Structures are given as structure tokens and as C-alpha cells.
Amino acid sequence: MTRAIKTPIALAALLSATIALGACAYNEALGRNQFLITDNAGLAQQSDAAWAETLRTKQTSNDPAALARIRRVGDRLVNAAGLGNQRWDYAVFVEASPNAFVLPSGKIGVTTGLLSLVRNDDQLATVIGHEIGHVRASHAAERYSTQTATGLAQQVVGGLAGDRGQAIAAYGGLAAQYGLLLPYSRRDELEADRLGVDYLHGAGFKASEAVALWRLMAAQRQTQVPQFASTHPSDATRIQALEAYIQSQGWS
């Protein structure tokens, strides 16, 4: 029994290790290696499809001033991030929830709720810069790569060990979620915060407004998810990290 359980697990570990050895890339923006079996270019088709679907299913604002505002702020940030050599499309979505997203294929979406919440362009730039940070850091590609490798390993376990193996694979999925995927996401968020502030400062916006923005966001939340079970760091963790980083750079 013990050998039957260990064999598929060993195969899964060997599969994951083999993929990892062939898919390690150094990201200068982050100063660390990443596990990548694809890149931003490889996600372009999916990004374009997601953008088209969002435009089709969500209401967009016809306010030219709002669109001009996010384009003005966004263009400064993508240039500061070294991504100005590609075309960028912008849209304002009519949605009460304050949110923004940036897709690797060069798409930036901002909600009317965010435009209503932020008190100045510096705070708007904080959110957009954060999302651009995810792109510059290849976080979507890294997450896709990690989830793909995890899924392949679980398939090996489930396929070779029968019902017992499927139970192990299910437990492995839970362990991967709380022990690998979610912590990586919290790390990604803090990395995007740091990169976003870099672009914020580089584009001529006020770095300290990043802290003011996240304090404002924290005040808007009605519930708090425990950090160990959240894909985002706690507001206190995020604000403390931002304050320390901005102070270390001597920015105001």
C-alpha cells in the first residue's frame, strides 16, 4: 500500500521538477527567478479574447473626459514602465465597485467606481501603476505556469493511483491552494505595489499618494478576509510595506 501511494507522488514530483528545471527565467524588474512555461506574448490571444468579451458584456462609459483622463495617466505610466513601444487601448466600465485591470496584450480598463473614489490623478495612477506592475512582472504568465504544472502533477497522481490517488490529488489541490498558489499571489501583489510606485514616481506622480490611496481603499472595505486565506495581503501589510519602500527611496 505504501509503495502504491508513494510511486505516483514521486512521479508527480519528478514531473514538476523536470518542468521547473527547463522553465526558469530571471526577471530583472523583480530581481528573482520565475517559473515560466509561457510569457506575456503567449497570453496575448487570451488577453485579447478577454478584452473583447468584457467590452461585449459590460457597459462602457461614453464620457470623453473620463476616457481622456485614464489615457493621459495610463500613457505616462506605461512609458515609465518601459512598455510604451506597444499600442494601448483604454476603456471606462460603468461599475460601482472601484477597480482597474491591465492585460498583457496592452489593454487598460478602469471602472467609474474607481474614478469616483480617487481624489486625484496620483491616486488613480497608483491603481493603474499597480496593475501595470503585474504585467511588467509577468505575474499572469507565472501564475498560468504554476497552475499548469500543479494540474499536470495532480493528473499524474489521480491517473496512476486510482480512487486513493484521486483523494490524494484532491488534498494536494487544497494544499497547493493554501501552501503555494495563494501565498504566491500575496507576494505578487506586494511586488506589483513596489513596481507601481516606481512607475508612479518615474511618471512624475506623487509617490506618497500610493499610501493615501490604499488607506482610502481600506476604509471602503466592509469585510476583511483572513490573510492566510486571501489572495491579497492585508491592508495593514500592504500599507506598511509601501511606507517602508517609499521612505527607503527618499520619495515624498
Protein backbone atom coordinates (compact mmCIF):
# COMPACT_ATOMS: atom_id res chain seq x y z
CA MET A 1 0.00 0.00 0.00
CA THR A 2 2.75 2.42 0.93
CA ARG A 3 4.60 1.81 -2.33
CA ALA A 4 1.41 2.31 -4.37
CA ILE A 5 0.88 5.72 -2.80
CA LYS A 6 4.47 6.89 -2.99
CA THR A 7 5.03 5.94 -6.63
CA PRO A 8 2.56 8.40 -8.24
CA ILE A 9 3.56 11.13 -5.82
CA ALA A 10 7.20 10.58 -6.76
CA LEU A 11 6.28 10.70 -10.44
CA ALA A 12 4.35 13.91 -9.90
CA ALA A 13 7.28 15.45 -8.07
CA LEU A 14 9.64 14.32 -10.82
CA LEU A 15 7.34 15.83 -13.47
CA SER A 16 7.15 19.16 -11.64
CA ALA A 17 10.92 19.23 -11.09
CA THR A 18 11.59 18.44 -14.74
CA ILE A 19 9.32 21.25 -15.91
CA ALA A 20 10.82 23.67 -13.40
CA LEU A 21 14.39 22.96 -14.49
CA GLY A 22 13.52 23.82 -18.07
CA ALA A 23 11.39 26.87 -17.33
CA CYS A 24 13.38 29.10 -15.01
CA ALA A 25 13.79 32.72 -16.12
CA TYR A 26 15.31 35.73 -14.36
CA ASN A 27 13.11 38.84 -14.15
CA GLU A 28 15.23 41.97 -13.76
CA ALA A 29 12.27 44.08 -12.61
CA LEU A 30 11.71 41.70 -9.69
CA GLY A 31 15.29 40.65 -9.03
CA ARG A 32 14.33 36.99 -8.85
CA ASN A 33 13.87 33.88 -10.95
CA GLN A 34 10.43 32.91 -12.19
CA PHE A 35 8.93 29.61 -13.22
CA LEU A 36 7.61 30.32 -16.73
CA ILE A 37 6.38 27.95 -19.40
CA THR A 38 4.81 30.88 -21.27
CA ASP A 39 5.23 34.67 -21.34
CA ASN A 40 3.14 37.79 -21.87
CA ALA A 41 3.27 37.32 -25.63
CA GLY A 42 2.00 33.78 -25.19
CA LEU A 43 -1.01 35.13 -23.30
CA ALA A 44 -1.83 37.80 -25.90
CA GLN A 45 -4.57 35.80 -27.61
CA GLN A 46 -6.32 35.00 -24.34
CA SER A 47 -5.93 38.63 -23.25
CA ASP A 48 -7.48 39.94 -26.45
CA ALA A 49 -10.35 37.47 -26.12
CA ALA A 50 -10.95 38.51 -22.50
CA TRP A 51 -10.93 42.19 -23.51
CA ALA A 52 -13.41 41.61 -26.33
CA GLU A 53 -15.69 39.63 -24.03
CA THR A 54 -15.56 42.34 -21.36
CA LEU A 55 -16.41 45.03 -23.91
CA ARG A 56 -19.29 42.89 -25.14
CA THR A 57 -20.79 42.05 -21.76
CA LYS A 58 -20.07 45.16 -19.67
CA GLN A 59 -21.41 48.66 -20.10
CA THR A 60 -18.79 51.21 -21.07
CA SER A 61 -18.93 54.90 -20.25
CA ASN A 62 -19.38 57.39 -23.09
CA ASP A 63 -17.84 60.19 -21.02
CA PRO A 64 -14.96 61.50 -23.17
CA ALA A 65 -13.38 63.32 -20.22
CA ALA A 66 -13.16 60.11 -18.18
CA LEU A 67 -11.60 58.21 -21.06
CA ALA A 68 -9.16 61.03 -21.76
CA ARG A 69 -8.18 61.05 -18.09
CA ILE A 70 -7.25 57.38 -17.87
CA ARG A 71 -5.50 57.57 -21.23
CA ARG A 72 -3.44 60.57 -20.06
CA VAL A 73 -2.47 58.89 -16.80
CA GLY A 74 -2.01 55.47 -18.37
CA ASP A 75 0.25 56.68 -21.17
CA ARG A 76 2.62 58.32 -18.68
CA LEU A 77 2.78 55.13 -16.65
CA VAL A 78 3.34 52.67 -19.50
CA ASN A 79 6.18 54.86 -20.74
CA ALA A 80 7.71 54.95 -17.26
CA ALA A 81 7.42 51.15 -17.16
CA GLY A 82 9.22 50.78 -20.49
CA LEU A 83 6.10 49.46 -22.21
CA GLY A 84 5.38 52.44 -24.43
CA ASN A 85 6.54 50.62 -27.56
CA GLN A 86 3.20 48.81 -27.94
CA ARG A 87 -0.32 50.02 -28.56
CA TRP A 88 -2.51 50.52 -25.50
CA ASP A 89 -6.30 50.50 -25.56
CA TYR A 90 -8.39 52.06 -22.79
CA ALA A 91 -11.97 51.74 -21.60
CA VAL A 92 -14.06 53.04 -18.69
CA PHE A 93 -16.60 50.50 -17.43
CA VAL A 94 -19.79 51.54 -15.68
CA GLU A 95 -19.48 49.70 -12.38
CA ALA A 96 -19.87 50.88 -8.79
CA SER A 97 -17.01 48.76 -7.46
CA PRO A 98 -13.67 50.61 -7.57
CA ASN A 99 -11.43 48.53 -9.78
CA ALA A 100 -8.94 48.54 -12.65
CA PHE A 101 -7.17 45.91 -14.70
CA VAL A 102 -4.34 45.78 -17.22
CA LEU A 103 -3.98 42.91 -19.69
CA PRO A 104 -0.62 41.76 -21.09
CA SER A 105 -1.74 42.49 -24.66
CA GLY A 106 -1.98 46.23 -23.93
CA LYS A 107 -5.47 46.83 -22.54
CA ILE A 108 -6.36 49.03 -19.56
CA GLY A 109 -9.81 49.08 -18.01
CA VAL A 110 -10.97 51.33 -15.17
CA THR A 111 -14.38 51.43 -13.50
CA THR A 112 -16.45 54.52 -12.85
CA GLY A 113 -16.42 53.47 -9.20
CA LEU A 114 -12.66 53.92 -9.07
CA LEU A 115 -12.81 57.29 -10.79
CA SER A 116 -15.37 58.41 -8.22
CA LEU A 117 -13.28 57.12 -5.32
CA VAL A 118 -9.82 58.52 -6.09
CA ARG A 119 -9.17 62.08 -5.02
CA ASN A 120 -6.53 62.98 -7.60
CA ASP A 121 -4.62 61.65 -10.60
CA ASP A 122 -1.80 60.48 -8.32
CA GLN A 123 -4.17 58.03 -6.64
CA LEU A 124 -5.59 56.94 -9.99
CA ALA A 125 -2.02 56.38 -11.16
CA THR A 126 -1.40 54.25 -8.08
CA VAL A 127 -4.02 51.72 -9.12
CA ILE A 128 -3.14 51.70 -12.81
CA GLY A 129 0.58 51.58 -11.99
CA HIS A 130 -0.02 48.61 -9.69
CA GLU A 131 -1.80 46.74 -12.49
CA ILE A 132 0.96 47.62 -14.96
CA GLY A 133 3.37 46.23 -12.37
CA HIS A 134 1.66 42.85 -12.69
CA VAL A 135 2.25 42.94 -16.45
CA ARG A 136 5.87 44.08 -16.18
CA ALA A 137 6.46 41.32 -13.63
CA SER A 138 4.85 38.65 -15.87
CA HIS A 139 2.67 37.62 -12.94
CA ALA A 140 -0.15 36.30 -15.15
CA ALA A 141 2.30 34.14 -17.09
CA GLU A 142 3.89 32.94 -13.84
CA ARG A 143 0.51 32.09 -12.33
CA TYR A 144 -0.54 30.27 -15.50
CA SER A 145 2.72 28.31 -15.48
CA THR A 146 2.39 27.35 -11.81
CA GLN A 147 -1.23 26.27 -12.13
CA THR A 148 -0.46 24.27 -15.27
CA ALA A 149 2.40 22.39 -13.60
CA THR A 150 0.30 21.78 -10.47
CA GLY A 151 -2.57 20.47 -12.59
CA LEU A 152 -0.29 18.12 -14.52
CA ALA A 153 1.16 16.73 -11.31
CA GLN A 154 -2.31 16.15 -9.86
CA GLN A 155 -3.37 14.36 -13.05
CA VAL A 156 -0.42 12.00 -12.67
CA VAL A 157 -1.40 11.23 -9.08
CA GLY A 158 -5.09 10.77 -9.89
CA GLY A 159 -4.47 8.75 -13.03
CA LEU A 160 -1.96 6.27 -11.59
CA ALA A 161 -3.28 5.62 -8.09
CA GLY A 162 -6.98 5.01 -8.67
CA ASP A 163 -9.54 6.21 -6.13
CA ARG A 164 -6.93 6.57 -3.37
CA GLY A 165 -4.81 8.62 -5.71
CA GLN A 166 -7.75 10.86 -6.59
CA ALA A 167 -8.27 11.54 -2.90
CA ILE A 168 -4.59 12.41 -2.56
CA ALA A 169 -4.82 14.63 -5.63
CA ALA A 170 -7.82 16.43 -4.15
CA TYR A 171 -5.93 17.01 -0.91
CA GLY A 172 -2.94 18.10 -2.98
CA GLY A 173 -5.14 20.66 -4.71
CA LEU A 174 -6.13 22.14 -1.37
CA ALA A 175 -2.52 22.12 -0.19
CA ALA A 176 -1.42 23.78 -3.41
CA GLN A 177 -4.06 26.48 -2.98
CA TYR A 178 -3.14 27.39 0.57
CA GLY A 179 0.54 26.46 0.55
CA LEU A 180 1.61 27.59 -2.90
CA LEU A 181 -0.84 29.48 -5.10
CA LEU A 182 -2.32 31.93 -2.59
CA PRO A 183 0.97 32.89 -0.92
CA TYR A 184 2.48 33.47 -4.34
CA SER A 185 -0.42 35.74 -5.14
CA ARG A 186 0.16 37.78 -1.98
CA ARG A 187 3.81 38.08 -2.96
CA ASP A 188 2.75 39.16 -6.45
CA GLU A 189 0.53 41.88 -5.01
CA LEU A 190 3.34 43.34 -2.92
CA GLU A 191 5.72 43.17 -5.87
CA ALA A 192 3.16 44.97 -8.05
CA ASP A 193 2.77 47.61 -5.34
CA ARG A 194 6.52 48.25 -5.38
CA LEU A 195 6.78 48.34 -9.16
CA GLY A 196 3.68 50.53 -9.35
CA VAL A 197 5.29 53.09 -7.04
CA ASP A 198 8.43 53.01 -9.19
CA TYR A 199 6.34 53.86 -12.25
CA LEU A 200 4.31 56.37 -10.28
CA HIS A 201 7.45 58.25 -9.31
CA GLY A 202 9.05 57.82 -12.73
CA ALA A 203 5.98 59.28 -14.43
CA GLY A 204 6.07 62.36 -12.21
CA PHE A 205 3.24 61.48 -9.84
CA LYS A 206 3.47 61.79 -6.06
CA ALA A 207 4.59 58.51 -4.50
CA SER A 208 3.10 59.21 -1.06
CA GLU A 209 -0.36 59.23 -2.61
CA ALA A 210 0.01 55.46 -3.02
CA VAL A 211 -0.24 55.10 0.76
CA ALA A 212 -3.14 57.55 0.89
CA LEU A 213 -4.96 55.55 -1.79
CA TRP A 214 -4.62 52.22 -0.01
CA ARG A 215 -5.76 53.80 3.25
CA LEU A 216 -8.79 55.07 1.38
CA MET A 217 -9.41 51.63 -0.11
CA ALA A 218 -9.11 50.03 3.32
CA ALA A 219 -11.72 52.39 4.70
CA GLN A 220 -14.14 51.30 1.97
CA ARG A 221 -13.99 47.59 2.81
CA GLN A 222 -16.94 46.17 4.72
CA THR A 223 -15.32 42.81 5.49
CA GLN A 224 -11.78 41.59 5.97
CA VAL A 225 -10.66 38.15 4.72
CA PRO A 226 -8.02 36.49 6.94
CA GLN A 227 -4.64 36.96 5.27
CA PHE A 228 -3.77 33.24 5.29
CA ALA A 229 -6.86 32.53 3.14
CA SER A 230 -6.70 35.55 0.88
CA THR A 231 -5.13 36.17 -2.49
CA HIS A 232 -4.23 39.68 -1.32
CA PRO A 233 -2.12 40.89 1.57
CA SER A 234 -3.93 42.58 4.41
CA ASP A 235 -4.36 46.34 4.10
CA ALA A 236 -2.05 46.84 7.09
CA THR A 237 0.68 44.68 5.49
CA ARG A 238 0.37 46.49 2.18
CA ILE A 239 0.43 49.98 3.69
CA GLN A 240 3.39 49.17 5.95
CA ALA A 241 5.39 47.77 3.02
CA LEU A 242 4.60 50.78 0.83
CA GLU A 243 5.55 53.27 3.53
CA ALA A 244 8.85 51.48 4.15
CA TYR A 245 9.70 51.30 0.46
CA ILE A 246 8.85 54.93 -0.31
CA GLN A 247 10.87 56.06 2.71
CA SER A 248 13.83 53.90 1.63
CA GLN A 249 13.82 55.66 -1.76
CA GLY A 250 13.60 59.12 -0.23
CA TRP A 251 10.41 59.94 -2.17
CA SER A 252 7.57 62.15 -0.99
